[in-house]
Each structure stands twice: as structure tokens, then as C-alpha cells.
N, C-alpha and C. Protein backbone atom coordinates (compact mmCIF):
# COMPACT_ATOMS: atom_id res chain seq x y z
N MET A 1 -12.67 -15.27 8.91
CA MET A 1 -12.64 -14.68 7.60
C MET A 1 -11.22 -14.82 7.04
N ALA A 2 -11.13 -15.11 5.77
CA ALA A 2 -9.84 -15.27 5.12
C ALA A 2 -9.11 -13.93 5.03
N ARG A 3 -7.81 -13.98 5.11
CA ARG A 3 -7.00 -12.77 5.01
C ARG A 3 -6.96 -12.32 3.55
N ARG A 4 -7.03 -11.03 3.35
CA ARG A 4 -7.01 -10.45 2.01
C ARG A 4 -5.77 -9.59 1.89
N TYR A 5 -5.05 -9.73 0.78
CA TYR A 5 -3.84 -8.95 0.56
C TYR A 5 -3.85 -8.37 -0.84
N SER A 6 -3.17 -7.26 -1.02
CA SER A 6 -2.97 -6.62 -2.33
C SER A 6 -4.27 -6.38 -3.08
N ARG A 7 -5.21 -5.78 -2.41
CA ARG A 7 -6.49 -5.46 -3.04
C ARG A 7 -6.54 -3.98 -3.39
N THR A 8 -7.20 -3.67 -4.49
CA THR A 8 -7.39 -2.28 -4.86
C THR A 8 -8.51 -1.70 -4.01
N ALA A 9 -8.61 -0.38 -4.03
CA ALA A 9 -9.68 0.28 -3.28
C ALA A 9 -11.05 -0.14 -3.83
N ALA A 10 -11.16 -0.27 -5.14
CA ALA A 10 -12.44 -0.67 -5.74
C ALA A 10 -12.83 -2.08 -5.30
N GLN A 11 -11.87 -2.98 -5.26
CA GLN A 11 -12.15 -4.35 -4.81
C GLN A 11 -12.61 -4.36 -3.36
N GLN A 12 -11.98 -3.55 -2.53
CA GLN A 12 -12.36 -3.49 -1.13
C GLN A 12 -13.75 -2.88 -0.96
N CYS A 13 -14.09 -1.88 -1.77
CA CYS A 13 -15.42 -1.28 -1.70
C CYS A 13 -16.49 -2.33 -2.01
N ARG A 14 -16.25 -3.12 -3.04
CA ARG A 14 -17.22 -4.16 -3.38
C ARG A 14 -17.29 -5.23 -2.30
N PHE A 15 -16.16 -5.65 -1.78
CA PHE A 15 -16.13 -6.72 -0.78
C PHE A 15 -16.83 -6.30 0.51
N TYR A 16 -16.57 -5.09 0.98
CA TYR A 16 -17.16 -4.61 2.22
C TYR A 16 -18.49 -3.87 2.01
N GLU A 17 -18.91 -3.77 0.76
CA GLU A 17 -20.19 -3.16 0.40
C GLU A 17 -20.32 -1.74 0.92
N VAL A 18 -19.29 -0.91 0.63
CA VAL A 18 -19.29 0.50 1.00
C VAL A 18 -19.01 1.33 -0.25
N ASP A 19 -19.39 2.60 -0.21
CA ASP A 19 -19.15 3.48 -1.35
C ASP A 19 -17.71 3.95 -1.43
N ASN A 20 -17.10 4.22 -0.27
CA ASN A 20 -15.73 4.71 -0.24
C ASN A 20 -15.00 4.00 0.90
N ILE A 21 -14.08 3.12 0.56
CA ILE A 21 -13.37 2.34 1.58
C ILE A 21 -12.53 3.23 2.49
N PHE A 22 -12.01 4.33 1.95
CA PHE A 22 -11.18 5.21 2.76
C PHE A 22 -12.00 5.90 3.85
N GLU A 23 -13.19 6.37 3.51
CA GLU A 23 -14.08 6.96 4.51
C GLU A 23 -14.44 5.93 5.57
N TYR A 24 -14.72 4.72 5.12
CA TYR A 24 -15.06 3.63 6.03
C TYR A 24 -13.91 3.35 7.00
N MET A 25 -12.70 3.37 6.50
CA MET A 25 -11.54 3.12 7.36
C MET A 25 -11.39 4.21 8.42
N VAL A 26 -11.57 5.46 8.03
CA VAL A 26 -11.46 6.56 9.00
C VAL A 26 -12.59 6.46 10.02
N GLU A 27 -13.79 6.14 9.58
CA GLU A 27 -14.92 6.00 10.51
C GLU A 27 -14.69 4.88 11.51
N THR A 28 -14.08 3.78 11.08
CA THR A 28 -13.81 2.69 12.02
C THR A 28 -12.83 3.16 13.10
N TYR A 29 -11.85 3.97 12.72
CA TYR A 29 -10.91 4.50 13.71
C TYR A 29 -11.62 5.43 14.68
N ILE A 30 -12.42 6.33 14.15
CA ILE A 30 -13.12 7.30 15.01
C ILE A 30 -14.05 6.58 15.98
N ASN A 31 -14.64 5.47 15.53
CA ASN A 31 -15.54 4.69 16.39
C ASN A 31 -14.80 3.80 17.37
N GLY A 32 -13.48 3.82 17.35
CA GLY A 32 -12.70 3.09 18.34
C GLY A 32 -12.21 1.71 17.90
N ASN A 33 -12.41 1.35 16.64
CA ASN A 33 -11.99 0.05 16.14
C ASN A 33 -10.61 0.16 15.49
N HIS A 34 -9.60 0.40 16.30
CA HIS A 34 -8.26 0.66 15.79
C HIS A 34 -7.67 -0.57 15.11
N SER A 35 -7.92 -1.75 15.62
CA SER A 35 -7.37 -2.95 15.00
C SER A 35 -8.01 -3.20 13.64
N THR A 36 -9.27 -2.83 13.48
CA THR A 36 -9.95 -2.98 12.19
C THR A 36 -9.32 -2.05 11.16
N LEU A 37 -9.02 -0.83 11.55
CA LEU A 37 -8.35 0.11 10.64
C LEU A 37 -7.02 -0.47 10.18
N ARG A 38 -6.24 -0.98 11.13
CA ARG A 38 -4.93 -1.55 10.79
C ARG A 38 -5.08 -2.73 9.82
N ARG A 39 -6.06 -3.60 10.06
CA ARG A 39 -6.29 -4.75 9.19
C ARG A 39 -6.72 -4.31 7.80
N LEU A 40 -7.64 -3.35 7.72
CA LEU A 40 -8.10 -2.86 6.42
C LEU A 40 -6.96 -2.20 5.65
N TYR A 41 -6.12 -1.45 6.34
CA TYR A 41 -4.99 -0.80 5.68
C TYR A 41 -4.03 -1.83 5.10
N HIS A 42 -3.74 -2.86 5.84
CA HIS A 42 -2.79 -3.87 5.37
C HIS A 42 -3.37 -4.76 4.28
N GLU A 43 -4.67 -4.76 4.10
CA GLU A 43 -5.29 -5.50 3.00
C GLU A 43 -5.12 -4.78 1.66
N LEU A 44 -4.85 -3.49 1.70
CA LEU A 44 -4.72 -2.70 0.47
C LEU A 44 -3.38 -2.95 -0.22
N ASN A 45 -3.38 -2.78 -1.53
CA ASN A 45 -2.12 -2.87 -2.25
C ASN A 45 -1.34 -1.56 -2.08
N LYS A 46 -0.12 -1.52 -2.58
CA LYS A 46 0.76 -0.38 -2.35
C LYS A 46 0.17 0.93 -2.87
N GLU A 47 -0.39 0.89 -4.07
CA GLU A 47 -0.96 2.10 -4.67
C GLU A 47 -2.18 2.59 -3.87
N ALA A 48 -3.02 1.68 -3.43
CA ALA A 48 -4.20 2.05 -2.64
C ALA A 48 -3.78 2.61 -1.28
N ARG A 49 -2.69 2.11 -0.71
CA ARG A 49 -2.20 2.65 0.55
C ARG A 49 -1.76 4.10 0.37
N LYS A 50 -1.08 4.39 -0.72
CA LYS A 50 -0.67 5.77 -1.01
C LYS A 50 -1.90 6.66 -1.17
N ASP A 51 -2.92 6.15 -1.87
CA ASP A 51 -4.15 6.91 -2.06
C ASP A 51 -4.83 7.18 -0.72
N PHE A 52 -4.80 6.21 0.18
CA PHE A 52 -5.42 6.40 1.49
C PHE A 52 -4.70 7.50 2.27
N ILE A 53 -3.38 7.52 2.24
CA ILE A 53 -2.62 8.56 2.93
C ILE A 53 -2.99 9.93 2.36
N GLY A 54 -3.08 10.02 1.03
CA GLY A 54 -3.50 11.27 0.40
C GLY A 54 -4.89 11.68 0.83
N PHE A 55 -5.81 10.73 0.86
CA PHE A 55 -7.18 10.99 1.31
C PHE A 55 -7.17 11.49 2.74
N LEU A 56 -6.40 10.84 3.58
CA LEU A 56 -6.33 11.20 4.99
C LEU A 56 -5.87 12.64 5.17
N LEU A 57 -4.84 13.03 4.44
CA LEU A 57 -4.27 14.37 4.61
C LEU A 57 -5.16 15.46 4.02
N VAL A 58 -5.94 15.14 2.99
CA VAL A 58 -6.76 16.15 2.33
C VAL A 58 -8.18 16.21 2.91
N GLU A 59 -8.78 15.07 3.15
CA GLU A 59 -10.20 15.02 3.47
C GLU A 59 -10.53 14.95 4.96
N CYS A 60 -9.60 14.52 5.78
CA CYS A 60 -9.91 14.28 7.19
C CYS A 60 -9.48 15.44 8.07
N SER A 61 -10.09 15.50 9.22
CA SER A 61 -9.77 16.51 10.20
C SER A 61 -8.32 16.35 10.65
N PRO A 62 -7.58 17.46 10.75
CA PRO A 62 -6.17 17.39 11.13
C PRO A 62 -5.91 16.71 12.48
N GLN A 63 -6.87 16.72 13.36
CA GLN A 63 -6.66 16.11 14.68
C GLN A 63 -6.44 14.60 14.58
N TYR A 64 -6.87 13.99 13.48
CA TYR A 64 -6.73 12.54 13.33
C TYR A 64 -5.50 12.14 12.52
N HIS A 65 -4.87 13.06 11.82
CA HIS A 65 -3.74 12.72 10.95
C HIS A 65 -2.67 11.91 11.67
N THR A 66 -2.12 12.47 12.72
CA THR A 66 -1.02 11.82 13.42
C THR A 66 -1.47 10.52 14.06
N GLU A 67 -2.63 10.52 14.69
CA GLU A 67 -3.13 9.32 15.37
C GLU A 67 -3.30 8.16 14.38
N ILE A 68 -3.94 8.42 13.25
CA ILE A 68 -4.18 7.36 12.28
C ILE A 68 -2.88 6.90 11.65
N LEU A 69 -1.99 7.83 11.31
CA LEU A 69 -0.70 7.44 10.73
C LEU A 69 0.10 6.58 11.69
N GLN A 70 0.09 6.90 12.96
CA GLN A 70 0.80 6.07 13.93
C GLN A 70 0.15 4.70 14.07
N GLU A 71 -1.14 4.64 13.94
CA GLU A 71 -1.86 3.37 14.08
C GLU A 71 -1.56 2.41 12.92
N ILE A 72 -1.46 2.93 11.71
CA ILE A 72 -1.31 2.04 10.56
C ILE A 72 0.14 1.63 10.31
N VAL A 73 1.09 2.35 10.90
CA VAL A 73 2.50 2.01 10.66
C VAL A 73 2.97 0.97 11.63
């Protein structure tokens, strides 16, 4: 598959055929696909990455905050 860079969240939702790319990213991490989370995060543009961090801190269980942040950095 071709590498994707600087994509908005809406573009990623359409490409991966999901309703919310951020939820999808968190679910991939919870299911053990850590490299997929890292790849999906790096495909996002700067603004979408900021939105994902905000989503993570507000919507996700606190037990995953540190783990996911360490994985994507």
C-alpha cells in the first residue's frame, strides 16, 4: 500500500471507510496493533494530530493515555 502523508481526519475516514478515524486508531492499539496506530498517526497532518491528542485525553480511558502517547512519539 502506498504511504499517505498530511491527510485530514475526514480524508482518512473516507479512505479507511470508518466513521471516526480517532476511535479506529485507539481500537487498533487496544487490539494489539501498535505499529498500525503509529502508521495511522503519522499519516495525519499536523492539525489532525493535535485533534487526535485532544480526543485521546477527553474520550479515552486514562489507562491508555500514557501508553498511546509513548507509542506515537
